[in-house]
Amino acid sequence: MAKEAQKLVANNKKVWHDYFVEEQYEAGLVLHGTEVKSLRMGKCSIKEAFVQIDRGEIFVYGMHISPYEKGNLFNKDPLRTRKLLLHKVQIRKLAGQCREKGYTIMPLQVYFKDGRAKMEIGLCRGKKLYDKREDIARRDQRRETEREFKAQNL
């Protein structure tokens, strides 16, 4: 079986630092005109973006797709609200879990899969300050052991 071609456009590393990502979903992106060309050039930012459910549909807010240089008249607003494509069952499940205390939906990454724009979203729970410190300490400990292991093998 051939491996699916994926081209990463934007990644949101900040989410992994600020939230516990409990579940991940792949959603299609509804784009207009020159937005696809701009995405293919990698001109996208999801650092300030968030996802909300409104009347049974799911939307991403604050996702910035820079206008395409050669698109002039056909360019859309870079920060416009964009619809995500998910199955109704998945949307209902996410809506139910978002009503629980502390859960939110965040965009994790934007990529092309088989020529179609996709967004990976995650059901997230916010980290407390002590959780962040714990993660940093764990990461530092892992780096230190790797350094020691590397020094031993030289």
Protein backbone atom coordinates (compact mmCIF):
# COMPACT_ATOMS: atom_id res chain seq x y z
CA MET A 1 0.00 0.00 0.00
CA ALA A 2 1.34 3.45 -0.92
CA LYS A 3 1.98 5.89 1.87
CA GLU A 4 -0.32 8.93 1.82
CA ALA A 5 1.42 12.12 0.77
CA GLN A 6 1.23 14.84 3.43
CA LYS A 7 2.68 18.32 3.18
CA LEU A 8 2.70 20.25 6.47
CA VAL A 9 1.72 23.92 6.08
CA ALA A 10 1.39 25.18 9.67
CA ASN A 11 1.99 23.69 13.09
CA ASN A 12 0.79 24.97 16.48
CA LYS A 13 3.46 23.93 19.00
CA LYS A 14 2.07 26.28 21.64
CA VAL A 15 -0.99 24.04 22.12
CA TRP A 16 1.18 21.15 23.32
CA HIS A 17 2.74 23.47 25.92
CA ASP A 18 -0.48 25.06 27.20
CA TYR A 19 -2.95 22.14 26.95
CA PHE A 20 -3.30 18.40 27.46
CA VAL A 21 -4.47 17.10 24.06
CA GLU A 22 -6.93 14.30 24.84
CA GLU A 23 -8.28 13.43 21.37
CA GLN A 24 -7.34 14.38 17.82
CA TYR A 25 -9.56 14.69 14.76
CA GLU A 26 -8.85 15.33 11.09
CA ALA A 27 -11.19 17.91 9.54
CA GLY A 28 -11.46 19.22 6.01
CA LEU A 29 -11.12 22.97 5.43
CA VAL A 30 -13.61 24.98 3.35
CA LEU A 31 -11.52 27.48 1.39
CA HIS A 32 -12.34 30.01 -1.33
CA GLY A 33 -10.43 30.86 -4.48
CA THR A 34 -6.86 31.97 -3.97
CA GLU A 35 -6.66 30.77 -0.33
CA VAL A 36 -5.58 27.33 -1.56
CA LYS A 37 -2.70 28.80 -3.60
CA SER A 38 -1.59 30.86 -0.63
CA LEU A 39 -1.74 27.75 1.61
CA ARG A 40 0.35 25.77 -0.89
CA MET A 41 3.00 28.48 -0.60
CA GLY A 42 2.95 27.96 3.19
CA LYS A 43 1.52 31.38 4.10
CA CYS A 44 -0.67 30.35 7.02
CA SER A 45 -0.63 30.91 10.78
CA ILE A 46 -2.76 29.14 13.39
CA LYS A 47 -0.99 30.44 16.51
CA GLU A 48 -3.92 32.69 17.51
CA ALA A 49 -6.64 30.41 16.12
CA PHE A 50 -9.38 28.60 18.04
CA VAL A 51 -12.31 26.37 17.10
CA GLN A 52 -15.96 26.72 18.15
CA ILE A 53 -19.19 24.89 17.43
CA ASP A 54 -22.15 27.00 16.31
CA ARG A 55 -25.57 25.53 15.52
CA GLY A 56 -24.26 22.05 14.74
CA GLU A 57 -21.41 23.29 12.53
CA ILE A 58 -17.76 23.71 13.45
CA PHE A 59 -15.73 26.83 12.58
CA VAL A 60 -12.14 28.01 13.01
CA TYR A 61 -11.61 31.64 14.07
CA GLY A 62 -8.39 33.65 13.93
CA MET A 63 -6.65 31.49 11.33
CA HIS A 64 -4.54 33.82 9.17
CA ILE A 65 -4.03 32.95 5.49
CA SER A 66 -2.01 35.69 3.79
CA PRO A 67 -3.53 37.09 0.57
CA TYR A 68 -2.16 35.59 -2.65
CA GLU A 69 0.04 38.17 -4.42
CA LYS A 70 -1.38 37.52 -7.89
CA GLY A 71 -4.97 37.20 -6.68
CA ASN A 72 -5.85 40.94 -6.32
CA LEU A 73 -9.66 41.12 -6.68
CA PHE A 74 -10.30 37.46 -5.76
CA ASN A 75 -8.51 37.55 -2.39
CA LYS A 76 -10.65 37.07 0.72
CA ASP A 77 -10.19 38.55 4.20
CA PRO A 78 -7.08 36.87 5.73
CA LEU A 79 -8.75 36.41 9.15
CA ARG A 80 -12.22 35.37 8.00
CA THR A 81 -14.07 32.56 9.78
CA ARG A 82 -13.64 29.24 7.99
CA LYS A 83 -15.88 26.19 8.20
CA LEU A 84 -14.46 22.78 9.06
CA LEU A 85 -15.83 19.54 7.67
CA LEU A 86 -16.47 16.77 10.21
CA HIS A 87 -19.08 14.05 10.53
CA LYS A 88 -22.18 15.10 12.48
CA VAL A 89 -21.55 12.37 15.08
CA GLN A 90 -18.04 13.74 15.71
CA ILE A 91 -19.36 17.31 16.04
CA ARG A 92 -22.02 16.20 18.55
CA LYS A 93 -19.40 14.29 20.55
CA LEU A 94 -17.08 17.32 20.61
CA ALA A 95 -19.95 19.66 21.57
CA GLY A 96 -20.89 17.39 24.48
CA GLN A 97 -17.33 17.24 25.75
CA CYS A 98 -16.82 21.01 25.36
CA ARG A 99 -19.70 21.62 27.75
CA GLU A 100 -17.62 19.84 30.40
CA LYS A 101 -15.48 22.13 32.53
CA GLY A 102 -12.10 23.05 31.09
CA TYR A 103 -12.37 21.50 27.63
CA THR A 104 -11.76 23.43 24.42
CA ILE A 105 -11.07 22.62 20.77
CA MET A 106 -7.77 23.87 19.34
CA PRO A 107 -6.19 23.60 15.88
CA LEU A 108 -2.99 21.53 15.98
CA GLN A 109 -1.78 21.65 12.39
CA VAL A 110 -2.76 22.43 8.80
CA TYR A 111 -1.56 20.20 5.98
CA PHE A 112 -2.36 18.87 2.53
CA LYS A 113 -3.33 15.22 2.28
CA ASP A 114 -3.84 13.80 -1.20
CA GLY A 115 -4.22 17.33 -2.58
CA ARG A 116 -6.88 18.42 -0.08
CA ALA A 117 -6.43 20.96 2.71
CA LYS A 118 -6.90 19.37 6.14
CA MET A 119 -6.71 20.63 9.70
CA GLU A 120 -5.94 18.45 12.68
CA ILE A 121 -7.91 19.64 15.69
CA GLY A 122 -7.62 18.45 19.25
CA LEU A 123 -9.94 18.24 22.24
CA CYS A 124 -7.82 19.95 24.90
CA ARG A 125 -7.84 20.57 28.62
CA GLY A 126 -5.84 23.53 29.96
CA LYS A 127 -2.66 22.93 31.90
CA LYS A 128 -2.01 24.52 35.24
CA LEU A 129 1.31 26.24 35.94
CA TYR A 130 2.61 23.26 37.93
CA ASP A 131 1.80 20.93 35.00
CA LYS A 132 3.90 23.10 32.67
CA ARG A 133 6.79 23.12 35.15
CA GLU A 134 6.54 19.33 35.45
CA ASP A 135 6.72 18.95 31.64
CA ILE A 136 9.75 21.24 31.44
CA ALA A 137 11.50 19.30 34.22
CA ARG A 138 10.75 15.97 32.47
CA ARG A 139 12.09 17.32 29.16
CA ASP A 140 15.28 18.60 30.82
CA GLN A 141 15.78 15.25 32.55
CA ARG A 142 15.40 13.40 29.22
CA ARG A 143 17.92 15.73 27.54
CA GLU A 144 20.40 15.22 30.37
CA THR A 145 20.17 11.41 30.15
CA GLU A 146 20.60 11.57 26.35
CA ARG A 147 23.69 13.76 26.81
CA GLU A 148 25.16 11.32 29.34
CA PHE A 149 24.41 8.35 27.08
CA LYS A 150 26.04 10.14 24.12
CA ALA A 151 29.12 10.96 26.22
CA GLN A 152 29.44 7.31 27.30
CA ASN A 153 29.35 6.02 23.73
CA LEU A 154 32.09 8.36 22.48
